[in-house]
């Protein structure tokens, strides 16, 4: 009698172990949600609340580059869903260990004790001169160096960093292959904005020129393929900063992009 009971208990335990393994494998093999999945759900008429719940509870592998978000809007993806995607990516980045950096979306991140926080890119605008004067500038600008003034709206960046020598992680893909393809610059204050000047030759490839008083030197170290650690060479003073591409071919027209952040004094007064 005792032998039969023991045999039945062993059988039940074995079944439980098999069920547990099955659930674990199911969870491990779950395919992450992608931008394509989100577009499919939106096009299929699934409510925003259900899609947001799916984003929160599922593994995700979202592309949150400016081009990808434009594509999401082309398929009428509601802003609240795009924000949920960004929020999930931020949580993933903050929780990511070093060996999972390759699974994070491409971009620039600030690494701190809180984890990895994406440095968002925002628009730099250059004023347009219209009419005959504008045409003359455009013609002359194709032949000589142009000094271009750009401004970014707002007195301060939304990302505020309290360390004087912050650590950044660059996760790059084509066309950028190295942090050396960027400048780190300090903005000058402007009216309700932040500004800086650079020089370029219109319609010509090569590098833009940034005044040394605006440039900030940094060092970079390759962590793994396409992933780099970037640190300012010297402690940064409180102020407004951004990373910009140094290639002239990335600066066409009057709208540019930069990854901006603020350096604020640490609460304890230590660098």
C-alpha atoms as a PDB file:
ATOM      1  CA  UNK A   1       0.000   0.000   0.000  1.00  0.00           C
ATOM      2  CA  UNK A   2       2.772   2.412   0.932  1.00  0.00           C
ATOM      3  CA  UNK A   3       4.718   1.475  -2.201  1.00  0.00           C
ATOM      4  CA  UNK A   4       1.698   2.250  -4.446  1.00  0.00           C
ATOM      5  CA  UNK A   5       1.153   5.598  -2.696  1.00  0.00           C
ATOM      6  CA  UNK A   6       4.848   6.497  -3.044  1.00  0.00           C
ATOM      7  CA  UNK A   7       4.767   5.520  -6.737  1.00  0.00           C
ATOM      8  CA  UNK A   8       1.693   7.736  -7.339  1.00  0.00           C
ATOM      9  CA  UNK A   9       3.342  10.685  -5.568  1.00  0.00           C
ATOM     10  CA  UNK A  10       6.473  10.277  -7.717  1.00  0.00           C
ATOM     11  CA  UNK A  11       4.320  10.186 -10.857  1.00  0.00           C
ATOM     12  CA  UNK A  12       2.462  13.388  -9.853  1.00  0.00           C
ATOM     13  CA  UNK A  13       5.755  15.124  -9.051  1.00  0.00           C
ATOM     14  CA  UNK A  14       7.152  14.121 -12.448  1.00  0.00           C
ATOM     15  CA  UNK A  15       4.099  15.532 -14.233  1.00  0.00           C
ATOM     16  CA  UNK A  16       4.416  18.795 -12.292  1.00  0.00           C
ATOM     17  CA  UNK A  17       8.075  19.080 -13.281  1.00  0.00           C
ATOM     18  CA  UNK A  18       7.190  18.496 -16.944  1.00  0.00           C
ATOM     19  CA  UNK A  19       4.450  21.162 -16.810  1.00  0.00           C
ATOM     20  CA  UNK A  20       6.832  23.639 -15.159  1.00  0.00           C
ATOM     21  CA  UNK A  21       9.452  22.999 -17.841  1.00  0.00           C
ATOM     22  CA  UNK A  22       6.836  23.436 -20.541  1.00  0.00           C
ATOM     23  CA  UNK A  23       5.776  26.836 -19.146  1.00  0.00           C
ATOM     24  CA  UNK A  24       9.386  27.910 -18.761  1.00  0.00           C
ATOM     25  CA  UNK A  25      10.217  26.948 -22.343  1.00  0.00           C
ATOM     26  CA  UNK A  26       7.077  28.702 -23.594  1.00  0.00           C
ATOM     27  CA  UNK A  27       8.130  31.895 -21.805  1.00  0.00           C
ATOM     28  CA  UNK A  28      11.709  31.615 -23.078  1.00  0.00           C
ATOM     29  CA  UNK A  29      10.608  31.022 -26.679  1.00  0.00           C
ATOM     30  CA  UNK A  30       8.120  33.892 -26.692  1.00  0.00           C
ATOM     31  CA  UNK A  31       8.806  36.105 -29.714  1.00  0.00           C
ATOM     32  CA  UNK A  32       9.324  39.768 -28.822  1.00  0.00           C
ATOM     33  CA  UNK A  33       6.868  42.357 -30.075  1.00  0.00           C
ATOM     34  CA  UNK A  34       8.228  44.477 -32.927  1.00  0.00           C
ATOM     35  CA  UNK A  35       7.111  47.651 -34.690  1.00  0.00           C
ATOM     36  CA  UNK A  36       5.491  45.435 -37.347  1.00  0.00           C
ATOM     37  CA  UNK A  37       3.383  43.703 -34.665  1.00  0.00           C
ATOM     38  CA  UNK A  38       2.225  47.074 -33.296  1.00  0.00           C
ATOM     39  CA  UNK A  39       1.238  48.287 -36.780  1.00  0.00           C
ATOM     40  CA  UNK A  40      -0.631  45.026 -37.403  1.00  0.00           C
ATOM     41  CA  UNK A  41      -2.603  45.383 -34.173  1.00  0.00           C
ATOM     42  CA  UNK A  42      -3.428  49.037 -34.867  1.00  0.00           C
ATOM     43  CA  UNK A  43      -4.529  48.212 -38.422  1.00  0.00           C
ATOM     44  CA  UNK A  44      -6.592  45.314 -37.068  1.00  0.00           C
ATOM     45  CA  UNK A  45      -8.628  47.669 -34.896  1.00  0.00           C
ATOM     46  CA  UNK A  46      -7.357  46.452 -31.512  1.00  0.00           C
ATOM     47  CA  UNK A  47      -7.894  49.122 -28.850  1.00  0.00           C
ATOM     48  CA  UNK A  48      -5.004  51.209 -27.518  1.00  0.00           C
ATOM     49  CA  UNK A  49      -5.599  49.848 -23.992  1.00  0.00           C
ATOM     50  CA  UNK A  50      -5.139  46.248 -25.111  1.00  0.00           C
ATOM     51  CA  UNK A  51      -2.043  47.074 -27.178  1.00  0.00           C
ATOM     52  CA  UNK A  52      -0.474  48.950 -24.245  1.00  0.00           C
ATOM     53  CA  UNK A  53      -1.166  45.959 -21.969  1.00  0.00           C
ATOM     54  CA  UNK A  54       0.485  43.659 -24.511  1.00  0.00           C
ATOM     55  CA  UNK A  55       3.541  45.946 -24.644  1.00  0.00           C
ATOM     56  CA  UNK A  56       3.774  45.973 -20.847  1.00  0.00           C
ATOM     57  CA  UNK A  57       3.503  42.198 -20.461  1.00  0.00           C
ATOM     58  CA  UNK A  58       5.523  41.034 -23.495  1.00  0.00           C
ATOM     59  CA  UNK A  59       9.128  40.895 -24.520  1.00  0.00           C
ATOM     60  CA  UNK A  60       9.831  43.687 -26.994  1.00  0.00           C
ATOM     61  CA  UNK A  61      12.347  44.594 -29.679  1.00  0.00           C
ATOM     62  CA  UNK A  62      11.262  48.021 -30.863  1.00  0.00           C
ATOM     63  CA  UNK A  63      13.011  50.277 -33.370  1.00  0.00           C
ATOM     64  CA  UNK A  64      12.609  53.800 -31.948  1.00  0.00           C
ATOM     65  CA  UNK A  65      14.771  55.689 -34.408  1.00  0.00           C
ATOM     66  CA  UNK A  66      13.232  58.914 -35.823  1.00  0.00           C
ATOM     67  CA  UNK A  67      12.625  57.172 -39.161  1.00  0.00           C
ATOM     68  CA  UNK A  68      10.861  54.237 -37.493  1.00  0.00           C
ATOM     69  CA  UNK A  69       8.586  56.536 -35.462  1.00  0.00           C
ATOM     70  CA  UNK A  70       7.667  58.452 -38.623  1.00  0.00           C
ATOM     71  CA  UNK A  71       6.722  55.106 -40.146  1.00  0.00           C
ATOM     72  CA  UNK A  72       4.561  54.291 -37.103  1.00  0.00           C
ATOM     73  CA  UNK A  73       2.693  57.584 -37.514  1.00  0.00           C
ATOM     74  CA  UNK A  74       2.212  56.847 -41.230  1.00  0.00           C
ATOM     75  CA  UNK A  75       0.175  53.843 -40.143  1.00  0.00           C
ATOM     76  CA  UNK A  76      -1.818  56.043 -37.698  1.00  0.00           C
ATOM     77  CA  UNK A  77      -0.309  54.579 -34.524  1.00  0.00           C
ATOM     78  CA  UNK A  78      -1.727  56.638 -31.595  1.00  0.00           C
ATOM     79  CA  UNK A  79       0.756  58.719 -29.590  1.00  0.00           C
ATOM     80  CA  UNK A  80      -0.111  56.875 -26.379  1.00  0.00           C
ATOM     81  CA  UNK A  81       1.033  53.592 -27.938  1.00  0.00           C
ATOM     82  CA  UNK A  82       4.283  55.128 -29.220  1.00  0.00           C
ATOM     83  CA  UNK A  83       4.885  56.533 -25.701  1.00  0.00           C
ATOM     84  CA  UNK A  84       4.258  53.071 -24.223  1.00  0.00           C
ATOM     85  CA  UNK A  85       6.852  51.640 -26.633  1.00  0.00           C
ATOM     86  CA  UNK A  86       9.386  54.306 -25.598  1.00  0.00           C
ATOM     87  CA  UNK A  87       8.656  53.699 -21.907  1.00  0.00           C
ATOM     88  CA  UNK A  88       9.149  49.938 -22.293  1.00  0.00           C
ATOM     89  CA  UNK A  89      12.441  50.471 -24.136  1.00  0.00           C
ATOM     90  CA  UNK A  90      13.630  52.810 -21.350  1.00  0.00           C
ATOM     91  CA  UNK A  91      12.799  50.186 -18.687  1.00  0.00           C
ATOM     92  CA  UNK A  92      14.605  47.520 -20.719  1.00  0.00           C
ATOM     93  CA  UNK A  93      17.627  49.771 -21.094  1.00  0.00           C
ATOM     94  CA  UNK A  94      17.718  50.565 -17.372  1.00  0.00           C
ATOM     95  CA  UNK A  95      17.607  46.860 -16.468  1.00  0.00           C
ATOM     96  CA  UNK A  96      20.037  45.665 -19.136  1.00  0.00           C
ATOM     97  CA  UNK A  97      23.300  44.029 -17.999  1.00  0.00           C
ATOM     98  CA  UNK A  98      26.499  44.600 -19.967  1.00  0.00           C
ATOM     99  CA  UNK A  99      26.175  41.357 -21.951  1.00  0.00           C
ATOM    100  CA  UNK A 100      22.758  42.370 -23.312  1.00  0.00           C
ATOM    101  CA  UNK A 101      23.840  45.702 -24.819  1.00  0.00           C
ATOM    102  CA  UNK A 102      23.638  44.255 -28.315  1.00  0.00           C
ATOM    103  CA  UNK A 103      19.924  43.581 -27.793  1.00  0.00           C
ATOM    104  CA  UNK A 104      19.195  47.227 -26.968  1.00  0.00           C
ATOM    105  CA  UNK A 105      17.966  49.565 -29.739  1.00  0.00           C
ATOM    106  CA  UNK A 106      20.620  51.617 -31.516  1.00  0.00           C
ATOM    107  CA  UNK A 107      21.236  55.048 -30.025  1.00  0.00           C
ATOM    108  CA  UNK A 108      23.161  56.918 -27.341  1.00  0.00           C
ATOM    109  CA  UNK A 109      22.617  56.075 -23.659  1.00  0.00           C
ATOM    110  CA  UNK A 110      23.735  57.628 -20.389  1.00  0.00           C
ATOM    111  CA  UNK A 111      24.994  54.921 -18.030  1.00  0.00           C
ATOM    112  CA  UNK A 112      24.536  55.551 -14.312  1.00  0.00           C
ATOM    113  CA  UNK A 113      23.706  53.653 -11.137  1.00  0.00           C
ATOM    114  CA  UNK A 114      20.104  53.671 -12.400  1.00  0.00           C
ATOM    115  CA  UNK A 115      21.037  51.746 -15.535  1.00  0.00           C
ATOM    116  CA  UNK A 116      20.976  52.883 -19.168  1.00  0.00           C
ATOM    117  CA  UNK A 117      18.860  55.906 -20.076  1.00  0.00           C
ATOM    118  CA  UNK A 118      18.405  56.853 -23.761  1.00  0.00           C
ATOM    119  CA  UNK A 119      19.649  60.310 -24.788  1.00  0.00           C
ATOM    120  CA  UNK A 120      16.859  61.554 -27.045  1.00  0.00           C
ATOM    121  CA  UNK A 121      17.587  63.434 -30.257  1.00  0.00           C
ATOM    122  CA  UNK A 122      15.896  66.771 -30.952  1.00  0.00           C
ATOM    123  CA  UNK A 123      15.789  69.252 -33.796  1.00  0.00           C
ATOM    124  CA  UNK A 124      18.339  71.956 -34.411  1.00  0.00           C
ATOM    125  CA  UNK A 125      16.900  74.700 -36.607  1.00  0.00           C
ATOM    126  CA  UNK A 126      18.692  77.167 -38.837  1.00  0.00           C
ATOM    127  CA  UNK A 127      16.823  80.319 -39.940  1.00  0.00           C
ATOM    128  CA  UNK A 128      15.914  80.498 -43.633  1.00  0.00           C
ATOM    129  CA  UNK A 129      16.581  83.665 -45.625  1.00  0.00           C
ATOM    130  CA  UNK A 130      13.989  83.949 -48.378  1.00  0.00           C
ATOM    131  CA  UNK A 131      13.783  85.989 -51.564  1.00  0.00           C
ATOM    132  CA  UNK A 132      16.686  87.318 -53.627  1.00  0.00           C
ATOM    133  CA  UNK A 133      19.017  87.492 -50.616  1.00  0.00           C
ATOM    134  CA  UNK A 134      18.303  83.862 -49.827  1.00  0.00           C
ATOM    135  CA  UNK A 135      19.017  82.791 -53.410  1.00  0.00           C
ATOM    136  CA  UNK A 136      22.292  84.731 -53.363  1.00  0.00           C
ATOM    137  CA  UNK A 137      23.342  83.055 -50.093  1.00  0.00           C
ATOM    138  CA  UNK A 138      22.485  79.647 -51.501  1.00  0.00           C
ATOM    139  CA  UNK A 139      24.556  80.279 -54.644  1.00  0.00           C
ATOM    140  CA  UNK A 140      27.557  81.676 -52.786  1.00  0.00           C
ATOM    141  CA  UNK A 141      27.248  78.986 -50.122  1.00  0.00           C
ATOM    142  CA  UNK A 142      27.944  76.291 -52.722  1.00  0.00           C
ATOM    143  CA  UNK A 143      31.367  77.856 -53.302  1.00  0.00           C
ATOM    144  CA  UNK A 144      32.604  79.084 -49.943  1.00  0.00           C
ATOM    145  CA  UNK A 145      32.496  78.173 -46.279  1.00  0.00           C
ATOM    146  CA  UNK A 146      29.145  78.909 -44.690  1.00  0.00           C
ATOM    147  CA  UNK A 147      28.764  79.829 -41.031  1.00  0.00           C
ATOM    148  CA  UNK A 148      25.488  78.326 -39.911  1.00  0.00           C
ATOM    149  CA  UNK A 149      23.749  79.312 -36.690  1.00  0.00           C
ATOM    150  CA  UNK A 150      21.476  76.632 -35.256  1.00  0.00           C
ATOM    151  CA  UNK A 151      19.170  76.744 -32.255  1.00  0.00           C
ATOM    152  CA  UNK A 152      17.343  74.128 -30.215  1.00  0.00           C
ATOM    153  CA  UNK A 153      14.108  75.138 -28.526  1.00  0.00           C
ATOM    154  CA  UNK A 154      14.046  75.431 -24.732  1.00  0.00           C
ATOM    155  CA  UNK A 155      16.503  76.678 -22.148  1.00  0.00           C
ATOM    156  CA  UNK A 156      17.329  73.166 -20.895  1.00  0.00           C
ATOM    157  CA  UNK A 157      17.360  69.581 -22.151  1.00  0.00           C
ATOM    158  CA  UNK A 158      14.826  67.117 -20.790  1.00  0.00           C
ATOM    159  CA  UNK A 159      17.694  64.788 -19.744  1.00  0.00           C
ATOM    160  CA  UNK A 160      19.523  66.144 -16.692  1.00  0.00           C
ATOM    161  CA  UNK A 161      22.760  64.478 -15.553  1.00  0.00           C
ATOM    162  CA  UNK A 162      24.304  65.288 -12.177  1.00  0.00           C
ATOM    163  CA  UNK A 163      27.755  63.736 -12.781  1.00  0.00           C
ATOM    164  CA  UNK A 164      30.502  66.011 -14.091  1.00  0.00           C
ATOM    165  CA  UNK A 165      32.070  63.180 -16.143  1.00  0.00           C
ATOM    166  CA  UNK A 166      29.069  61.210 -17.364  1.00  0.00           C
ATOM    167  CA  UNK A 167      29.498  57.871 -19.088  1.00  0.00           C
ATOM    168  CA  UNK A 168      27.753  57.341 -22.421  1.00  0.00           C
ATOM    169  CA  UNK A 169      27.188  54.147 -24.352  1.00  0.00           C
ATOM    170  CA  UNK A 170      26.994  54.424 -28.140  1.00  0.00           C
ATOM    171  CA  UNK A 171      25.167  51.548 -29.846  1.00  0.00           C
ATOM    172  CA  UNK A 172      25.721  52.285 -33.510  1.00  0.00           C
ATOM    173  CA  UNK A 173      24.758  51.000 -36.911  1.00  0.00           C
ATOM    174  CA  UNK A 174      25.187  52.315 -40.451  1.00  0.00           C
ATOM    175  CA  UNK A 175      25.864  55.131 -41.357  1.00  0.00           C
ATOM    176  CA  UNK A 176      27.645  55.900 -38.053  1.00  0.00           C
ATOM    177  CA  UNK A 177      30.363  53.362 -37.291  1.00  0.00           C
ATOM    178  CA  UNK A 178      32.262  55.030 -34.447  1.00  0.00           C
ATOM    179  CA  UNK A 179      31.855  57.767 -31.802  1.00  0.00           C
ATOM    180  CA  UNK A 180      34.650  59.555 -33.680  1.00  0.00           C
ATOM    181  CA  UNK A 181      31.951  60.479 -36.216  1.00  0.00           C
ATOM    182  CA  UNK A 182      30.412  62.800 -33.608  1.00  0.00           C
ATOM    183  CA  UNK A 183      31.288  66.084 -31.927  1.00  0.00           C
ATOM    184  CA  UNK A 184      30.418  66.758 -28.296  1.00  0.00           C
ATOM    185  CA  UNK A 185      29.642  70.463 -28.117  1.00  0.00           C
ATOM    186  CA  UNK A 186      28.475  72.920 -25.485  1.00  0.00           C
ATOM    187  CA  UNK A 187      25.562  75.174 -26.360  1.00  0.00           C
ATOM    188  CA  UNK A 188      25.591  78.926 -25.914  1.00  0.00           C
ATOM    189  CA  UNK A 189      22.476  80.398 -24.275  1.00  0.00           C
ATOM    190  CA  UNK A 190      20.010  82.122 -26.609  1.00  0.00           C
ATOM    191  CA  UNK A 191      16.526  83.609 -26.190  1.00  0.00           C
ATOM    192  CA  UNK A 192      14.363  80.714 -24.945  1.00  0.00           C
ATOM    193  CA  UNK A 193      16.735  78.355 -26.744  1.00  0.00           C
ATOM    194  CA  UNK A 194      20.233  76.909 -26.964  1.00  0.00           C
ATOM    195  CA  UNK A 195      22.523  77.753 -29.895  1.00  0.00           C
ATOM    196  CA  UNK A 196      25.814  76.964 -31.581  1.00  0.00           C
ATOM    197  CA  UNK A 197      27.542  77.794 -34.866  1.00  0.00           C
ATOM    198  CA  UNK A 198      29.379  75.553 -37.304  1.00  0.00           C
ATOM    199  CA  UNK A 199      30.958  75.950 -40.717  1.00  0.00           C
ATOM    200  CA  UNK A 200      30.483  73.813 -43.834  1.00  0.00           C
ATOM    201  CA  UNK A 201      30.833  73.955 -47.598  1.00  0.00           C
ATOM    202  CA  UNK A 202      27.423  73.391 -49.194  1.00  0.00           C
ATOM    203  CA  UNK A 203      26.912  70.420 -51.499  1.00  0.00           C
ATOM    204  CA  UNK A 204      30.260  68.977 -50.412  1.00  0.00           C
ATOM    205  CA  UNK A 205      31.079  65.876 -48.405  1.00  0.00           C
ATOM    206  CA  UNK A 206      33.664  65.945 -45.639  1.00  0.00           C
ATOM    207  CA  UNK A 207      33.634  67.324 -42.122  1.00  0.00           C
ATOM    208  CA  UNK A 208      31.887  70.296 -40.600  1.00  0.00           C
ATOM    209  CA  UNK A 209      33.996  72.697 -38.559  1.00  0.00           C
ATOM    210  CA  UNK A 210      33.096  73.592 -34.979  1.00  0.00           C
ATOM    211  CA  UNK A 211      34.876  76.303 -33.018  1.00  0.00           C
ATOM    212  CA  UNK A 212      37.249  74.887 -30.401  1.00  0.00           C
ATOM    213  CA  UNK A 213      35.541  76.980 -27.720  1.00  0.00           C
ATOM    214  CA  UNK A 214      32.352  74.961 -28.313  1.00  0.00           C
ATOM    215  CA  UNK A 215      33.913  71.508 -28.717  1.00  0.00           C
ATOM    216  CA  UNK A 216      34.426  69.168 -25.774  1.00  0.00           C
ATOM    217  CA  UNK A 217      37.065  66.447 -26.046  1.00  0.00           C
ATOM    218  CA  UNK A 218      36.076  62.873 -25.196  1.00  0.00           C
ATOM    219  CA  UNK A 219      37.626  59.431 -25.247  1.00  0.00           C
ATOM    220  CA  UNK A 220      35.977  56.285 -26.554  1.00  0.00           C
ATOM    221  CA  UNK A 221      36.563  52.589 -25.869  1.00  0.00           C
ATOM    222  CA  UNK A 222      35.134  49.735 -27.902  1.00  0.00           C
ATOM    223  CA  UNK A 223      33.172  47.312 -25.700  1.00  0.00           C
ATOM    224  CA  UNK A 224      32.020  44.978 -28.456  1.00  0.00           C
ATOM    225  CA  UNK A 225      31.192  45.239 -32.143  1.00  0.00           C
ATOM    226  CA  UNK A 226      29.142  48.403 -32.689  1.00  0.00           C
ATOM    227  CA  UNK A 227      29.130  49.288 -28.957  1.00  0.00           C
ATOM    228  CA  UNK A 228      31.391  51.974 -27.433  1.00  0.00           C
ATOM    229  CA  UNK A 229      31.905  53.625 -24.062  1.00  0.00           C
ATOM    230  CA  UNK A 230      32.344  57.413 -24.325  1.00  0.00           C
ATOM    231  CA  UNK A 231      33.587  59.658 -21.491  1.00  0.00           C
ATOM    232  CA  UNK A 232      34.470  63.390 -21.553  1.00  0.00           C
ATOM    233  CA  UNK A 233      38.226  63.886 -21.171  1.00  0.00           C
ATOM    234  CA  UNK A 234      37.694  66.536 -18.477  1.00  0.00           C
ATOM    235  CA  UNK A 235      34.924  67.243 -15.998  1.00  0.00           C
ATOM    236  CA  UNK A 236      32.037  69.108 -17.613  1.00  0.00           C
ATOM    237  CA  UNK A 237      30.865  72.412 -16.226  1.00  0.00           C
ATOM    238  CA  UNK A 238      27.128  72.793 -15.539  1.00  0.00           C
ATOM    239  CA  UNK A 239      25.431  73.741 -18.791  1.00  0.00           C
ATOM    240  CA  UNK A 240      23.801  72.475 -21.973  1.00  0.00           C
ATOM    241  CA  UNK A 241      25.489  69.957 -24.284  1.00  0.00           C
ATOM    242  CA  UNK A 242      24.809  67.721 -27.252  1.00  0.00           C
ATOM    243  CA  UNK A 243      26.355  65.114 -29.536  1.00  0.00           C
ATOM    244  CA  UNK A 244      26.180  65.940 -33.266  1.00  0.00           C
ATOM    245  CA  UNK A 245      27.435  64.191 -36.393  1.00  0.00           C
ATOM    246  CA  UNK A 246      30.665  65.653 -37.761  1.00  0.00           C
ATOM    247  CA  UNK A 247      29.957  64.657 -41.366  1.00  0.00           C
ATOM    248  CA  UNK A 248      28.866  67.494 -43.689  1.00  0.00           C
ATOM    249  CA  UNK A 249      26.651  65.157 -45.722  1.00  0.00           C
ATOM    250  CA  UNK A 250      24.452  64.696 -42.629  1.00  0.00           C
ATOM    251  CA  UNK A 251      23.648  68.430 -42.640  1.00  0.00           C
ATOM    252  CA  UNK A 252      21.487  69.284 -45.619  1.00  0.00           C
ATOM    253  CA  UNK A 253      18.757  71.908 -45.615  1.00  0.00           C
ATOM    254  CA  UNK A 254      17.959  73.853 -42.451  1.00  0.00           C
ATOM    255  CA  UNK A 255      16.908  71.119 -39.994  1.00  0.00           C
ATOM    256  CA  UNK A 256      19.472  69.003 -38.136  1.00  0.00           C
ATOM    257  CA  UNK A 257      19.402  66.550 -35.233  1.00  0.00           C
ATOM    258  CA  UNK A 258      21.421  66.413 -32.037  1.00  0.00           C
ATOM    259  CA  UNK A 259      21.404  64.275 -28.879  1.00  0.00           C
ATOM    260  CA  UNK A 260      21.089  66.862 -26.098  1.00  0.00           C
ATOM    261  CA  UNK A 261      21.490  66.760 -22.307  1.00  0.00           C
ATOM    262  CA  UNK A 262      22.024  69.087 -19.348  1.00  0.00           C
ATOM    263  CA  UNK A 263      24.804  68.874 -16.779  1.00  0.00           C
ATOM    264  CA  UNK A 264      23.611  69.998 -13.361  1.00  0.00           C
ATOM    265  CA  UNK A 265      25.577  70.244 -10.079  1.00  0.00           C
ATOM    266  CA  UNK A 266      25.276  67.035  -8.044  1.00  0.00           C
ATOM    267  CA  UNK A 267      23.076  67.230  -4.970  1.00  0.00           C
ATOM    268  CA  UNK A 268      25.945  66.334  -2.602  1.00  0.00           C
ATOM    269  CA  UNK A 269      28.309  68.864  -4.199  1.00  0.00           C
ATOM    270  CA  UNK A 270      30.790  66.176  -5.316  1.00  0.00           C
ATOM    271  CA  UNK A 271      31.743  65.730  -9.001  1.00  0.00           C
END
